[in-house]
Amino acid sequence: MLKPQNIIQAAAADLRRKQRNAEQAKHRDHSYEPYAFHRTHVRRATSANELVLLALMDGPVADKTAKENTRMIYGNARLLVEAMRITSPS
């Protein structure tokens, strides 16, 4: 069962993957690490908080993916809201 902390960890890991994927692409290394969140959201996000917010606001985009993990994250709005509470500055 996913917990809000798992969502935050996945968002932070996706942002690190985005950076690694960009570096690899610069060096013409075509290996690619897949994201837990939807790639369009990962590309737009600059923080874990923003990534969770994008998932919350645009959840139906995950219906189009074959990745079960992405559908699990996006399919639970309550969990995303709880994750937002953790990442939002007080």
Protein backbone atom coordinates (compact mmCIF):
# COMPACT_ATOMS: atom_id res chain seq x y z
CA MET A 1 0.00 0.00 0.00
CA LEU A 2 1.35 3.39 -0.98
CA LYS A 3 1.87 6.09 1.62
CA PRO A 4 2.22 9.85 1.05
CA GLN A 5 5.95 9.56 1.79
CA ASN A 6 6.27 7.04 -1.06
CA ILE A 7 4.74 9.57 -3.45
CA ILE A 8 7.22 12.25 -2.33
CA GLN A 9 10.11 9.82 -2.70
CA ALA A 10 8.97 8.82 -6.19
CA ALA A 11 8.60 12.47 -7.22
CA ALA A 12 12.08 13.35 -5.96
CA ALA A 13 13.55 10.27 -7.67
CA ASP A 14 11.86 11.23 -10.95
CA LEU A 15 13.40 14.70 -10.81
CA ARG A 16 16.83 13.12 -10.34
CA ARG A 17 16.11 10.76 -13.25
CA LYS A 18 15.14 13.73 -15.39
CA GLN A 19 18.53 15.29 -14.73
CA ARG A 20 20.39 12.04 -15.45
CA ASN A 21 18.41 11.42 -18.63
CA ALA A 22 19.22 14.93 -19.84
CA GLU A 23 22.93 14.46 -19.11
CA GLN A 24 22.97 11.12 -20.90
CA ALA A 25 21.23 12.63 -23.92
CA LYS A 26 23.91 15.35 -24.11
CA HIS A 27 26.52 12.62 -24.45
CA ARG A 28 24.44 10.76 -27.03
CA ASP A 29 23.83 7.99 -24.53
CA HIS A 30 20.37 6.77 -25.44
CA SER A 31 19.78 4.76 -22.30
CA TYR A 32 16.71 6.10 -20.58
CA GLU A 33 15.42 5.58 -17.08
CA PRO A 34 11.60 5.50 -17.03
CA TYR A 35 9.65 7.73 -14.66
CA ALA A 36 7.08 6.78 -12.03
CA PHE A 37 5.07 9.92 -12.80
CA HIS A 38 3.87 10.80 -16.29
CA ARG A 39 6.78 12.07 -18.38
CA THR A 40 5.04 15.29 -19.43
CA HIS A 41 4.63 16.21 -15.78
CA VAL A 42 8.22 15.29 -14.92
CA ARG A 43 9.49 17.45 -17.77
CA ARG A 44 7.48 20.45 -16.55
CA ALA A 45 8.11 20.11 -12.81
CA THR A 46 10.95 21.83 -11.00
CA SER A 47 10.20 20.41 -7.54
CA ALA A 48 8.60 17.36 -5.97
CA ASN A 49 5.75 19.57 -4.77
CA GLU A 50 5.08 20.82 -8.30
CA LEU A 51 5.21 17.29 -9.69
CA VAL A 52 2.62 16.06 -7.18
CA LEU A 53 0.46 19.11 -7.93
CA LEU A 54 0.58 18.41 -11.67
CA ALA A 55 -0.44 14.80 -11.01
CA LEU A 56 -3.33 15.97 -8.88
CA MET A 57 -4.52 18.55 -11.41
CA ASP A 58 -4.11 16.38 -14.51
CA GLY A 59 -4.76 12.86 -13.27
CA PRO A 60 -6.59 11.56 -16.37
CA VAL A 61 -3.35 11.77 -18.38
CA ALA A 62 -2.24 8.60 -16.57
CA ASP A 63 -5.16 6.67 -18.05
CA LYS A 64 -3.23 6.67 -21.33
CA THR A 65 -0.10 5.01 -19.95
CA ALA A 66 0.70 1.33 -19.84
CA LYS A 67 2.75 1.79 -16.65
CA GLU A 68 0.89 0.29 -13.71
CA ASN A 69 2.93 2.28 -11.16
CA THR A 70 1.94 5.55 -12.81
CA ARG A 71 -1.73 4.57 -12.77
CA MET A 72 -1.43 3.65 -9.08
CA ILE A 73 0.02 7.04 -8.21
CA TYR A 74 -2.47 9.04 -10.24
CA GLY A 75 -5.45 6.88 -9.31
CA ASN A 76 -5.52 7.94 -5.67
CA ALA A 77 -6.33 11.65 -5.36
CA ARG A 78 -6.51 11.45 -1.56
CA LEU A 79 -2.96 10.11 -1.43
CA LEU A 80 -1.75 12.91 -3.70
CA VAL A 81 -3.43 15.50 -1.47
CA GLU A 82 -1.72 14.00 1.58
CA ALA A 83 1.60 14.11 -0.24
CA MET A 84 0.98 17.77 -1.09
CA ARG A 85 0.49 18.51 2.60
CA ILE A 86 3.90 17.01 3.32
CA THR A 87 5.71 18.94 0.59
CA SER A 88 3.96 22.27 0.93
CA PRO A 89 5.81 24.87 2.98
CA SER A 90 3.94 25.80 6.17
